[in-house]
Structure formats: structure tokens, C-alpha cells
Amino acid sequence: MMIKHTFLLLALLVFMSAQTQTRLFPRVSCTNLKDKTVELPADVAGKRTVIALMLSTKADKQMQKWVQPLYNALLADGMGGMMGGNIYNAQLFFVGAVKGLAKLALPEMIKKAKKEVDTKYHSQFMYTDSNTEDLIKQLNIKDTNEPYFIVLEKDGSILFETSGAYSEDKMNSITDALLK
């Protein structure tokens, strides 16, 4: 009888440990290039989502190498043949988090982005200028000069995270997380 109770207690502890490891993406109010407010993760719930997060101009420069592979995997209509459509059934959002003196340049950055980004993707490009320090702390971001990529489950919980310069291995890790 003691063994049975010990096993049940152990199983309960393992279950509780797994439950406490689930992290939710912090609540962030953003504005997309259509000038609409988006509350992350609530407004993107119901579908797996990749958040591409930039916290500096250096991170934005690195992000440029990520844009095309992310677009091809998550936004493109298909690659022809049997691979039609977004096989990951996921959303993609690029979020620029602006802090400090960069807030002064925000109106000009938005104007430039609206010109450079195809209007059909304006809802996927957004920025936030509030609670950036809290966002950095809650996501445990170590280097704001790198872009961060966070894969969210339908409920806003974090499935996978990576950061830094583009590599095929990192891109494959993102798409692998979307398939789990």
C-alpha cells in the first residue's frame, strides 16, 4: 500500500512540475501598421503564432535576414506542387519594442515602415512603446541587440524561443515547434 501512495505522490509532483513550467507570453499592447491596437497574446489566440521581436536597431538589422525565410514558411500562399498553403497553420507577427530616446523617432519609423511593407501585411507588423522594460524582464531577454523569436501555443503559452542571427537550424527549430 505504501508503494502505491508513493507512486501517486510522485506522479502528482511530476504533473505539478510540468504545469508550473508553462510560461505565458506577457500581455503587451501594440499598434499595427493599420493603426489598430492589438493585445498580445489575447488577440492572436486560437492559432499557433510566431512573434518576431526586435528591441533595437541592431536587432532590426539582423531581422532583415529572417524576413524572407519566415515569410516563405508562414505567410506565402504555397510553394507549388503538393506543398500548397501554410502547412504550419500559424500566424506571424513582427513586433518592434521601442524604448528610451528611440520613442522620439517612432513617428518617422512608422511612416517609413508603412511605405516599405506591402499593405496586405500591415496587420502583421506592429510596435509597442509601453512597458518595454517589463517585457524584457518577463521574457528573460539577455541581449536587446538580437532579434527574438517566440512560438506561442493557441492559448498564449510559450512553446519555443530562440534569438540571434539567422541560421537554417534556428529556422528549422521554429517550424519544428509549430508541428508539435
N, C-alpha and C. Protein backbone atom coordinates (compact mmCIF):
# COMPACT_ATOMS: atom_id res chain seq x y z
N MET A 1 0.83 -1.20 0.00
CA MET A 1 0.00 0.00 0.00
C MET A 1 0.87 1.25 0.00
N MET A 2 1.99 1.22 0.72
CA MET A 2 2.89 2.35 0.79
C MET A 2 3.48 2.67 -0.58
N ILE A 3 3.81 1.64 -1.37
CA ILE A 3 4.38 1.82 -2.70
C ILE A 3 3.36 2.53 -3.59
N LYS A 4 2.10 2.14 -3.49
CA LYS A 4 1.04 2.74 -4.30
C LYS A 4 0.92 4.23 -3.99
N HIS A 5 0.93 4.61 -2.73
CA HIS A 5 0.83 6.01 -2.33
C HIS A 5 2.05 6.80 -2.77
N THR A 6 3.23 6.18 -2.65
CA THR A 6 4.47 6.84 -3.08
C THR A 6 4.42 7.11 -4.58
N PHE A 7 3.95 6.13 -5.35
CA PHE A 7 3.85 6.30 -6.80
C PHE A 7 2.88 7.42 -7.15
N LEU A 8 1.72 7.45 -6.49
CA LEU A 8 0.73 8.50 -6.75
C LEU A 8 1.29 9.88 -6.39
N LEU A 9 1.99 9.97 -5.28
CA LEU A 9 2.59 11.23 -4.86
C LEU A 9 3.64 11.69 -5.88
N LEU A 10 4.47 10.76 -6.33
CA LEU A 10 5.48 11.07 -7.32
C LEU A 10 4.84 11.54 -8.64
N ALA A 11 3.80 10.84 -9.08
CA ALA A 11 3.10 11.22 -10.30
C ALA A 11 2.49 12.62 -10.16
N LEU A 12 1.93 12.92 -9.01
CA LEU A 12 1.35 14.23 -8.77
C LEU A 12 2.41 15.33 -8.79
N LEU A 13 3.56 15.07 -8.20
CA LEU A 13 4.65 16.04 -8.20
C LEU A 13 5.17 16.30 -9.62
N VAL A 14 5.30 15.24 -10.41
CA VAL A 14 5.75 15.39 -11.80
C VAL A 14 4.73 16.22 -12.58
N PHE A 15 3.44 15.94 -12.42
CA PHE A 15 2.39 16.68 -13.10
C PHE A 15 2.41 18.15 -12.69
N MET A 16 2.53 18.42 -11.40
CA MET A 16 2.56 19.80 -10.91
C MET A 16 3.80 20.52 -11.43
N SER A 17 4.93 19.85 -11.49
CA SER A 17 6.16 20.44 -12.00
C SER A 17 6.00 20.82 -13.46
N ALA A 18 5.39 19.95 -14.26
CA ALA A 18 5.17 20.25 -15.68
C ALA A 18 4.23 21.43 -15.83
N GLN A 19 3.24 21.54 -14.97
CA GLN A 19 2.28 22.64 -15.04
C GLN A 19 2.95 23.98 -14.70
N THR A 20 3.85 23.99 -13.75
CA THR A 20 4.47 25.25 -13.34
C THR A 20 5.51 25.72 -14.34
N GLN A 21 5.98 24.83 -15.23
CA GLN A 21 6.97 25.22 -16.20
C GLN A 21 6.36 25.95 -17.39
N THR A 22 5.04 25.89 -17.57
CA THR A 22 4.38 26.58 -18.66
C THR A 22 4.44 28.08 -18.41
N ARG A 23 5.00 28.78 -19.38
CA ARG A 23 5.09 30.24 -19.28
C ARG A 23 4.17 30.86 -20.30
N LEU A 24 3.46 31.88 -19.89
CA LEU A 24 2.61 32.62 -20.80
C LEU A 24 3.37 33.82 -21.35
N PHE A 25 3.10 34.14 -22.60
CA PHE A 25 3.66 35.36 -23.17
C PHE A 25 3.04 36.53 -22.43
N PRO A 26 3.84 37.51 -22.02
CA PRO A 26 3.29 38.62 -21.25
C PRO A 26 2.32 39.46 -22.08
N ARG A 27 1.38 40.06 -21.41
CA ARG A 27 0.39 40.93 -22.06
C ARG A 27 1.09 42.19 -22.55
N VAL A 28 0.95 42.47 -23.86
CA VAL A 28 1.58 43.63 -24.47
C VAL A 28 0.58 44.30 -25.39
N SER A 29 0.44 45.60 -25.24
CA SER A 29 -0.42 46.37 -26.13
C SER A 29 0.42 46.92 -27.27
N CYS A 30 0.03 46.59 -28.51
CA CYS A 30 0.78 47.00 -29.69
C CYS A 30 -0.15 47.77 -30.64
N THR A 31 0.45 48.45 -31.59
CA THR A 31 -0.29 49.10 -32.67
C THR A 31 0.29 48.60 -33.97
N ASN A 32 -0.58 48.09 -34.86
CA ASN A 32 -0.06 47.59 -36.13
C ASN A 32 -0.01 48.73 -37.16
N LEU A 33 0.49 48.44 -38.35
CA LEU A 33 0.65 49.47 -39.37
C LEU A 33 -0.68 49.91 -39.96
N LYS A 34 -1.76 49.26 -39.56
CA LYS A 34 -3.11 49.72 -39.93
C LYS A 34 -3.67 50.64 -38.86
N ASP A 35 -2.82 51.00 -37.88
CA ASP A 35 -3.18 51.88 -36.77
C ASP A 35 -4.24 51.28 -35.85
N LYS A 36 -4.27 49.94 -35.77
CA LYS A 36 -5.20 49.27 -34.89
C LYS A 36 -4.45 48.69 -33.69
N THR A 37 -5.06 48.77 -32.53
CA THR A 37 -4.47 48.24 -31.31
C THR A 37 -4.64 46.72 -31.29
N VAL A 38 -3.56 46.04 -30.93
CA VAL A 38 -3.55 44.58 -30.82
C VAL A 38 -3.00 44.24 -29.44
N GLU A 39 -3.75 43.45 -28.70
CA GLU A 39 -3.31 42.99 -27.38
C GLU A 39 -2.73 41.59 -27.54
N LEU A 40 -1.41 41.49 -27.33
CA LEU A 40 -0.76 40.18 -27.39
C LEU A 40 -0.74 39.59 -25.99
N PRO A 41 -0.97 38.32 -25.82
CA PRO A 41 -1.30 37.32 -26.82
C PRO A 41 -2.80 37.15 -27.07
N ALA A 42 -3.65 37.87 -26.32
CA ALA A 42 -5.11 37.64 -26.38
C ALA A 42 -5.68 37.75 -27.79
N ASP A 43 -5.29 38.76 -28.54
CA ASP A 43 -5.88 38.99 -29.86
C ASP A 43 -5.37 38.03 -30.94
N VAL A 44 -4.38 37.22 -30.62
CA VAL A 44 -3.89 36.24 -31.60
C VAL A 44 -4.17 34.82 -31.13
N ALA A 45 -4.94 34.68 -30.07
CA ALA A 45 -5.26 33.36 -29.51
C ALA A 45 -6.07 32.55 -30.50
N GLY A 46 -5.99 31.24 -30.35
CA GLY A 46 -6.76 30.34 -31.19
C GLY A 46 -5.97 29.73 -32.32
N LYS A 47 -4.76 30.22 -32.53
CA LYS A 47 -3.90 29.70 -33.58
C LYS A 47 -2.46 29.83 -33.11
N ARG A 48 -1.63 28.87 -33.44
CA ARG A 48 -0.22 29.00 -33.07
C ARG A 48 0.35 30.23 -33.76
N THR A 49 1.28 30.88 -33.06
CA THR A 49 1.78 32.17 -33.51
C THR A 49 3.28 32.27 -33.30
N VAL A 50 3.95 32.89 -34.25
CA VAL A 50 5.36 33.21 -34.09
C VAL A 50 5.46 34.72 -33.94
N ILE A 51 6.07 35.15 -32.83
CA ILE A 51 6.34 36.56 -32.58
C ILE A 51 7.81 36.80 -32.86
N ALA A 52 8.09 37.67 -33.83
CA ALA A 52 9.46 38.08 -34.14
C ALA A 52 9.64 39.44 -33.47
N LEU A 53 10.45 39.47 -32.42
CA LEU A 53 10.56 40.64 -31.56
C LEU A 53 11.90 41.34 -31.74
N MET A 54 11.83 42.65 -31.97
CA MET A 54 13.04 43.47 -32.11
C MET A 54 13.01 44.55 -31.06
N LEU A 55 14.15 44.72 -30.37
CA LEU A 55 14.24 45.69 -29.29
C LEU A 55 15.28 46.77 -29.54
N SER A 56 15.87 46.80 -30.74
CA SER A 56 16.88 47.80 -31.06
C SER A 56 17.08 47.85 -32.57
N THR A 57 17.77 48.88 -33.05
CA THR A 57 18.07 48.97 -34.48
C THR A 57 19.03 47.87 -34.89
N LYS A 58 19.93 47.45 -34.01
CA LYS A 58 20.83 46.33 -34.32
C LYS A 58 20.02 45.04 -34.51
N ALA A 59 19.03 44.82 -33.66
CA ALA A 59 18.17 43.64 -33.80
C ALA A 59 17.37 43.72 -35.09
N ASP A 60 16.92 44.91 -35.44
CA ASP A 60 16.17 45.10 -36.68
C ASP A 60 17.03 44.75 -37.89
N LYS A 61 18.30 45.12 -37.86
CA LYS A 61 19.20 44.79 -38.98
C LYS A 61 19.38 43.28 -39.12
N GLN A 62 19.51 42.58 -38.00
CA GLN A 62 19.60 41.12 -38.06
C GLN A 62 18.29 40.50 -38.56
N MET A 63 17.19 41.12 -38.18
CA MET A 63 15.87 40.61 -38.57
C MET A 63 15.71 40.58 -40.09
N GLN A 64 16.38 41.48 -40.79
CA GLN A 64 16.25 41.54 -42.24
C GLN A 64 16.60 40.20 -42.90
N LYS A 65 17.51 39.45 -42.31
CA LYS A 65 17.88 38.14 -42.87
C LYS A 65 16.86 37.06 -42.53
N TRP A 66 16.01 37.33 -41.56
CA TRP A 66 14.97 36.39 -41.17
C TRP A 66 13.68 36.58 -41.96
N VAL A 67 13.44 37.77 -42.45
CA VAL A 67 12.13 38.12 -43.02
C VAL A 67 11.72 37.16 -44.14
N GLN A 68 12.58 36.95 -45.12
CA GLN A 68 12.20 36.11 -46.26
C GLN A 68 11.94 34.66 -45.87
N PRO A 69 12.82 34.03 -45.08
CA PRO A 69 12.52 32.64 -44.67
C PRO A 69 11.23 32.53 -43.84
N LEU A 70 10.99 33.50 -42.95
CA LEU A 70 9.75 33.47 -42.16
C LEU A 70 8.55 33.67 -43.07
N TYR A 71 8.66 34.60 -44.00
CA TYR A 71 7.58 34.83 -44.96
C TYR A 71 7.30 33.56 -45.76
N ASN A 72 8.35 32.94 -46.30
CA ASN A 72 8.17 31.73 -47.11
C ASN A 72 7.48 30.62 -46.33
N ALA A 73 7.85 30.46 -45.07
CA ALA A 73 7.29 29.37 -44.26
C ALA A 73 5.88 29.67 -43.75
N LEU A 74 5.61 30.93 -43.39
CA LEU A 74 4.38 31.21 -42.65
C LEU A 74 3.37 32.12 -43.33
N LEU A 75 3.77 32.87 -44.34
CA LEU A 75 2.82 33.78 -44.98
C LEU A 75 2.57 33.48 -46.45
N ALA A 76 3.54 32.91 -47.14
CA ALA A 76 3.41 32.67 -48.57
C ALA A 76 2.24 31.72 -48.84
N ASP A 77 1.61 31.92 -49.96
CA ASP A 77 0.43 31.12 -50.32
C ASP A 77 0.75 29.68 -50.63
N GLY A 78 1.96 29.37 -50.91
CA GLY A 78 2.32 27.99 -51.19
C GLY A 78 3.60 27.93 -51.99
N MET A 79 4.16 26.76 -52.04
CA MET A 79 5.43 26.59 -52.73
C MET A 79 5.25 25.75 -53.98
N GLY A 80 4.00 25.54 -54.40
CA GLY A 80 3.74 24.76 -55.61
C GLY A 80 3.67 23.29 -55.30
N GLY A 81 3.23 22.55 -56.27
CA GLY A 81 3.16 21.10 -56.11
C GLY A 81 2.26 20.70 -54.96
N MET A 82 2.71 19.75 -54.19
CA MET A 82 1.91 19.23 -53.08
C MET A 82 2.00 20.12 -51.84
N MET A 83 2.89 21.11 -51.85
CA MET A 83 3.11 21.94 -50.67
C MET A 83 2.32 23.24 -50.75
N GLY A 84 1.04 23.19 -51.04
CA GLY A 84 0.24 24.40 -51.15
C GLY A 84 -0.18 24.92 -49.79
N GLY A 85 -0.13 26.21 -49.61
CA GLY A 85 -0.61 26.83 -48.38
C GLY A 85 0.38 26.75 -47.24
N ASN A 86 0.00 27.31 -46.12
CA ASN A 86 0.82 27.35 -44.91
C ASN A 86 0.62 26.02 -44.17
N ILE A 87 1.56 25.10 -44.32
CA ILE A 87 1.39 23.78 -43.71
C ILE A 87 1.45 23.83 -42.18
N TYR A 88 1.94 24.93 -41.63
CA TYR A 88 2.05 25.06 -40.18
C TYR A 88 0.79 25.64 -39.56
N ASN A 89 -0.08 26.20 -40.38
CA ASN A 89 -1.32 26.81 -39.89
C ASN A 89 -1.03 27.75 -38.72
N ALA A 90 -0.06 28.62 -38.94
CA ALA A 90 0.38 29.53 -37.88
C ALA A 90 0.36 30.98 -38.36
N GLN A 91 0.33 31.86 -37.41
CA GLN A 91 0.39 33.30 -37.67
C GLN A 91 1.81 33.79 -37.44
N LEU A 92 2.14 34.91 -38.06
CA LEU A 92 3.45 35.53 -37.87
C LEU A 92 3.25 37.02 -37.64
N PHE A 93 3.88 37.53 -36.57
CA PHE A 93 3.83 38.95 -36.28
C PHE A 93 5.23 39.46 -35.97
N PHE A 94 5.58 40.58 -36.57
CA PHE A 94 6.84 41.27 -36.30
C PHE A 94 6.51 42.40 -35.34
N VAL A 95 7.18 42.41 -34.19
CA VAL A 95 6.91 43.41 -33.16
C VAL A 95 8.18 44.18 -32.85
N GLY A 96 8.14 45.47 -33.05
CA GLY A 96 9.24 46.34 -32.66
C GLY A 96 8.90 46.97 -31.32
N ALA A 97 9.74 46.74 -30.33
CA ALA A 97 9.53 47.32 -29.00
C ALA A 97 10.48 48.51 -28.87
N VAL A 98 9.90 49.67 -28.68
CA VAL A 98 10.66 50.92 -28.67
C VAL A 98 10.76 51.43 -27.24
N LYS A 99 11.99 51.84 -26.86
CA LYS A 99 12.20 52.35 -25.51
C LYS A 99 13.13 53.55 -25.54
N GLY A 100 13.12 54.28 -24.45
CA GLY A 100 14.04 55.40 -24.29
C GLY A 100 13.91 56.47 -25.36
N LEU A 101 15.04 56.99 -25.79
CA LEU A 101 15.06 58.07 -26.79
C LEU A 101 14.54 57.64 -28.15
N ALA A 102 14.53 56.34 -28.42
CA ALA A 102 14.02 55.84 -29.70
C ALA A 102 12.54 56.19 -29.88
N LYS A 103 11.83 56.40 -28.77
CA LYS A 103 10.41 56.77 -28.85
C LYS A 103 10.23 58.07 -29.64
N LEU A 104 11.23 58.95 -29.58
CA LEU A 104 11.14 60.22 -30.31
C LEU A 104 11.13 60.00 -31.82
N ALA A 105 11.78 58.96 -32.27
CA ALA A 105 11.86 58.66 -33.70
C ALA A 105 10.71 57.76 -34.18
N LEU A 106 9.85 57.34 -33.28
CA LEU A 106 8.79 56.40 -33.62
C LEU A 106 7.89 56.86 -34.76
N PRO A 107 7.40 58.09 -34.76
CA PRO A 107 6.53 58.50 -35.88
C PRO A 107 7.21 58.37 -37.25
N GLU A 108 8.48 58.69 -37.32
CA GLU A 108 9.21 58.58 -38.59
C GLU A 108 9.43 57.11 -38.96
N MET A 109 9.70 56.27 -37.97
CA MET A 109 9.89 54.83 -38.22
C MET A 109 8.59 54.21 -38.75
N ILE A 110 7.46 54.60 -38.19
CA ILE A 110 6.16 54.08 -38.62
C ILE A 110 5.88 54.52 -40.06
N LYS A 111 6.13 55.77 -40.35
CA LYS A 111 5.92 56.30 -41.70
C LYS A 111 6.75 55.53 -42.72
N LYS A 112 8.01 55.28 -42.40
CA LYS A 112 8.91 54.53 -43.28
C LYS A 112 8.42 53.09 -43.46
N ALA A 113 8.02 52.45 -42.37
CA ALA A 113 7.55 51.07 -42.44
C ALA A 113 6.30 50.95 -43.30
N LYS A 114 5.40 51.90 -43.18
CA LYS A 114 4.17 51.87 -43.98
C LYS A 114 4.47 51.94 -45.47
N LYS A 115 5.53 52.64 -45.83
CA LYS A 115 5.92 52.73 -47.24
C LYS A 115 6.61 51.45 -47.71
N GLU A 116 7.45 50.85 -46.85
CA GLU A 116 8.27 49.71 -47.24
C GLU A 116 7.55 48.37 -47.19
N VAL A 117 6.58 48.23 -46.32
CA VAL A 117 5.88 46.95 -46.14
C VAL A 117 4.63 46.95 -47.01
N ASP A 118 4.45 45.87 -47.77
CA ASP A 118 3.26 45.70 -48.59
C ASP A 118 2.02 45.86 -47.71
N THR A 119 1.04 46.62 -48.17
CA THR A 119 -0.14 46.91 -47.36
C THR A 119 -0.90 45.66 -46.93
N LYS A 120 -0.81 44.58 -47.70
CA LYS A 120 -1.53 43.37 -47.29
C LYS A 120 -0.91 42.73 -46.04
N TYR A 121 0.29 43.17 -45.65
CA TYR A 121 0.93 42.65 -44.44
C TYR A 121 0.98 43.67 -43.30
N HIS A 122 0.31 44.79 -43.44
CA HIS A 122 0.33 45.81 -42.40
C HIS A 122 -0.20 45.31 -41.05
N SER A 123 -1.10 44.35 -41.07
CA SER A 123 -1.62 43.84 -39.78
C SER A 123 -0.60 42.96 -39.07
N GLN A 124 0.40 42.44 -39.79
CA GLN A 124 1.42 41.59 -39.18
C GLN A 124 2.60 42.37 -38.61
N PHE A 125 2.73 43.64 -38.94
CA PHE A 125 3.84 44.47 -38.45
C PHE A 125 3.30 45.45 -37.42
N MET A 126 3.89 45.41 -36.23
CA MET A 126 3.39 46.26 -35.16
C MET A 126 4.53 46.73 -34.26
N TYR A 127 4.20 47.66 -33.42
CA TYR A 127 5.18 48.21 -32.48
C TYR A 127 4.51 48.42 -31.14
N THR A 128 5.34 48.48 -30.12
CA THR A 128 4.88 48.82 -28.79
C THR A 128 5.90 49.77 -28.17
N ASP A 129 5.41 50.74 -27.45
CA ASP A 129 6.32 51.66 -26.76
C ASP A 129 5.98 51.76 -25.28
N SER A 130 5.23 50.78 -24.80
CA SER A 130 4.88 50.79 -23.38
C SER A 130 5.37 49.51 -22.71
N ASN A 131 5.81 49.64 -21.48
CA ASN A 131 6.25 48.51 -20.66
C ASN A 131 7.35 47.67 -21.30
N THR A 132 8.22 48.30 -22.08
CA THR A 132 9.29 47.55 -22.75
C THR A 132 10.23 46.90 -21.74
N GLU A 133 10.57 47.61 -20.68
CA GLU A 133 11.46 47.04 -19.66
C GLU A 133 10.82 45.82 -19.00
N ASP A 134 9.51 45.89 -18.74
CA ASP A 134 8.81 44.74 -18.17
C ASP A 134 8.83 43.56 -19.13
N LEU A 135 8.63 43.84 -20.42
CA LEU A 135 8.66 42.79 -21.44
C LEU A 135 10.02 42.10 -21.47
N ILE A 136 11.07 42.89 -21.43
CA ILE A 136 12.44 42.34 -21.42
C ILE A 136 12.65 41.45 -20.20
N LYS A 137 12.20 41.91 -19.06
CA LYS A 137 12.37 41.15 -17.82
C LYS A 137 11.53 39.87 -17.83
N GLN A 138 10.27 39.97 -18.23
CA GLN A 138 9.39 38.81 -18.21
C GLN A 138 9.80 37.73 -19.21
N LEU A 139 10.38 38.15 -20.33
CA LEU A 139 10.83 37.17 -21.33
C LEU A 139 12.28 36.75 -21.09
N ASN A 140 12.89 37.30 -20.06
CA ASN A 140 14.26 36.96 -19.69
C ASN A 140 15.24 37.22 -20.85
N ILE A 141 15.07 38.36 -21.50
CA ILE A 141 15.91 38.74 -22.64
C ILE A 141 17.24 39.24 -22.12
N LYS A 142 18.29 38.65 -22.65
CA LYS A 142 19.65 38.98 -22.20
C LYS A 142 20.33 40.03 -23.08
N ASP A 143 20.04 40.02 -24.38
CA ASP A 143 20.73 40.93 -25.30
C ASP A 143 19.70 41.58 -26.22
N THR A 144 19.42 42.85 -26.00
CA THR A 144 18.43 43.55 -26.81
C THR A 144 18.93 43.86 -28.22
N ASN A 145 20.18 43.60 -28.49
CA ASN A 145 20.72 43.82 -29.84
C ASN A 145 20.49 42.63 -30.76
N GLU A 146 19.82 41.60 -30.26
CA GLU A 146 19.48 40.43 -31.07
C GLU A 146 17.96 40.36 -31.23
N PRO A 147 17.48 39.86 -32.38
CA PRO A 147 16.05 39.61 -32.51
C PRO A 147 15.68 38.34 -31.75
N TYR A 148 14.46 38.29 -31.24
CA TYR A 148 13.95 37.14 -30.51
C TYR A 148 12.75 36.58 -31.25
N PHE A 149 12.62 35.26 -31.22
CA PHE A 149 11.55 34.56 -31.90
C PHE A 149 10.87 33.66 -30.89
N ILE A 150 9.58 33.90 -30.69
CA ILE A 150 8.84 33.18 -29.67
C ILE A 150 7.66 32.49 -30.34
N VAL A 151 7.58 31.18 -30.19
CA VAL A 151 6.47 30.41 -30.74
C VAL A 151 5.45 30.22 -29.62
N LEU A 152 4.22 30.66 -29.90
CA LEU A 152 3.15 30.57 -28.92
C LEU A 152 2.15 29.49 -29.28
N GLU A 153 1.68 28.80 -28.27
CA GLU A 153 0.57 27.85 -28.43
C GLU A 153 -0.70 28.68 -28.58
N LYS A 154 -1.78 28.04 -28.94
CA LYS A 154 -3.06 28.72 -29.16
C LYS A 154 -3.53 29.51 -27.95
N ASP A 155 -3.14 29.08 -26.75
CA ASP A 155 -3.57 29.73 -25.51
C ASP A 155 -2.60 30.83 -25.04
N GLY A 156 -1.56 31.11 -25.83
CA GLY A 156 -0.60 32.15 -25.45
C GLY A 156 0.58 31.64 -24.65
N SER A 157 0.64 30.35 -24.38
CA SER A 157 1.79 29.81 -23.67
C SER A 157 2.97 29.68 -24.64
N ILE A 158 4.16 29.81 -24.10
CA ILE A 158 5.37 29.79 -24.91
C ILE A 158 5.80 28.34 -25.15
N LEU A 159 5.87 27.96 -26.44
CA LEU A 159 6.30 26.62 -26.82
C LEU A 159 7.80 26.55 -27.05
N PHE A 160 8.36 27.63 -27.63
CA PHE A 160 9.76 27.61 -28.04
C PHE A 160 10.25 29.04 -28.16
N GLU A 161 11.54 29.24 -27.90
CA GLU A 161 12.18 30.56 -28.05
C GLU A 161 13.58 30.37 -28.63
N THR A 162 13.97 31.31 -29.46
CA THR A 162 15.34 31.38 -29.93
C THR A 162 15.65 32.84 -30.23
N SER A 163 16.91 33.13 -30.45
CA SER A 163 17.30 34.51 -30.72
C SER A 163 18.56 34.53 -31.56
N GLY A 164 18.87 35.71 -32.08
CA GLY A 164 20.13 35.91 -32.77
C GLY A 164 20.04 35.91 -34.27
N ALA A 165 21.21 35.78 -34.87
CA ALA A 165 21.34 35.82 -36.32
C ALA A 165 20.64 34.62 -36.96
N TYR A 166 20.20 34.81 -38.19
CA TYR A 166 19.51 33.75 -38.91
C TYR A 166 20.43 32.56 -39.16
N SER A 167 19.86 31.37 -39.00
CA SER A 167 20.50 30.14 -39.44
C SER A 167 19.39 29.17 -39.81
N GLU A 168 19.70 28.25 -40.70
CA GLU A 168 18.70 27.25 -41.09
C GLU A 168 18.31 26.39 -39.89
N ASP A 169 19.27 26.09 -39.02
CA ASP A 169 18.97 25.29 -37.83
C ASP A 169 17.94 25.98 -36.94
N LYS A 170 18.12 27.29 -36.72
CA LYS A 170 17.16 28.04 -35.90
C LYS A 170 15.79 28.09 -36.58
N MET A 171 15.78 28.31 -37.88
CA MET A 171 14.51 28.35 -38.61
C MET A 171 13.82 26.99 -38.53
N ASN A 172 14.58 25.91 -38.68
CA ASN A 172 14.01 24.57 -38.57
C ASN A 172 13.47 24.31 -37.17
N SER A 173 14.13 24.84 -36.15
CA SER A 173 13.64 24.67 -34.77
C SER A 173 12.31 25.38 -34.58
N ILE A 174 12.14 26.53 -35.20
CA ILE A 174 10.87 27.27 -35.11
C ILE A 174 9.77 26.46 -35.78
N THR A 175 10.02 26.00 -37.01
CA THR A 175 8.97 25.26 -37.72
C THR A 175 8.71 23.91 -37.07
N ASP A 176 9.73 23.28 -36.51
CA ASP A 176 9.53 22.02 -35.78
C ASP A 176 8.60 22.24 -34.58
N ALA A 177 8.80 23.34 -33.87
CA ALA A 177 7.95 23.65 -32.71
C ALA A 177 6.50 23.83 -33.14
N LEU A 178 6.27 24.37 -34.33
CA LEU A 178 4.91 24.57 -34.83
C LEU A 178 4.23 23.25 -35.17
N LEU A 179 5.00 22.22 -35.43
CA LEU A 179 4.44 20.93 -35.81
C LEU A 179 4.15 20.02 -34.62
N LYS A 180 4.64 20.38 -33.44
CA LYS A 180 4.45 19.52 -32.25
C LYS A 180 3.03 19.61 -31.76
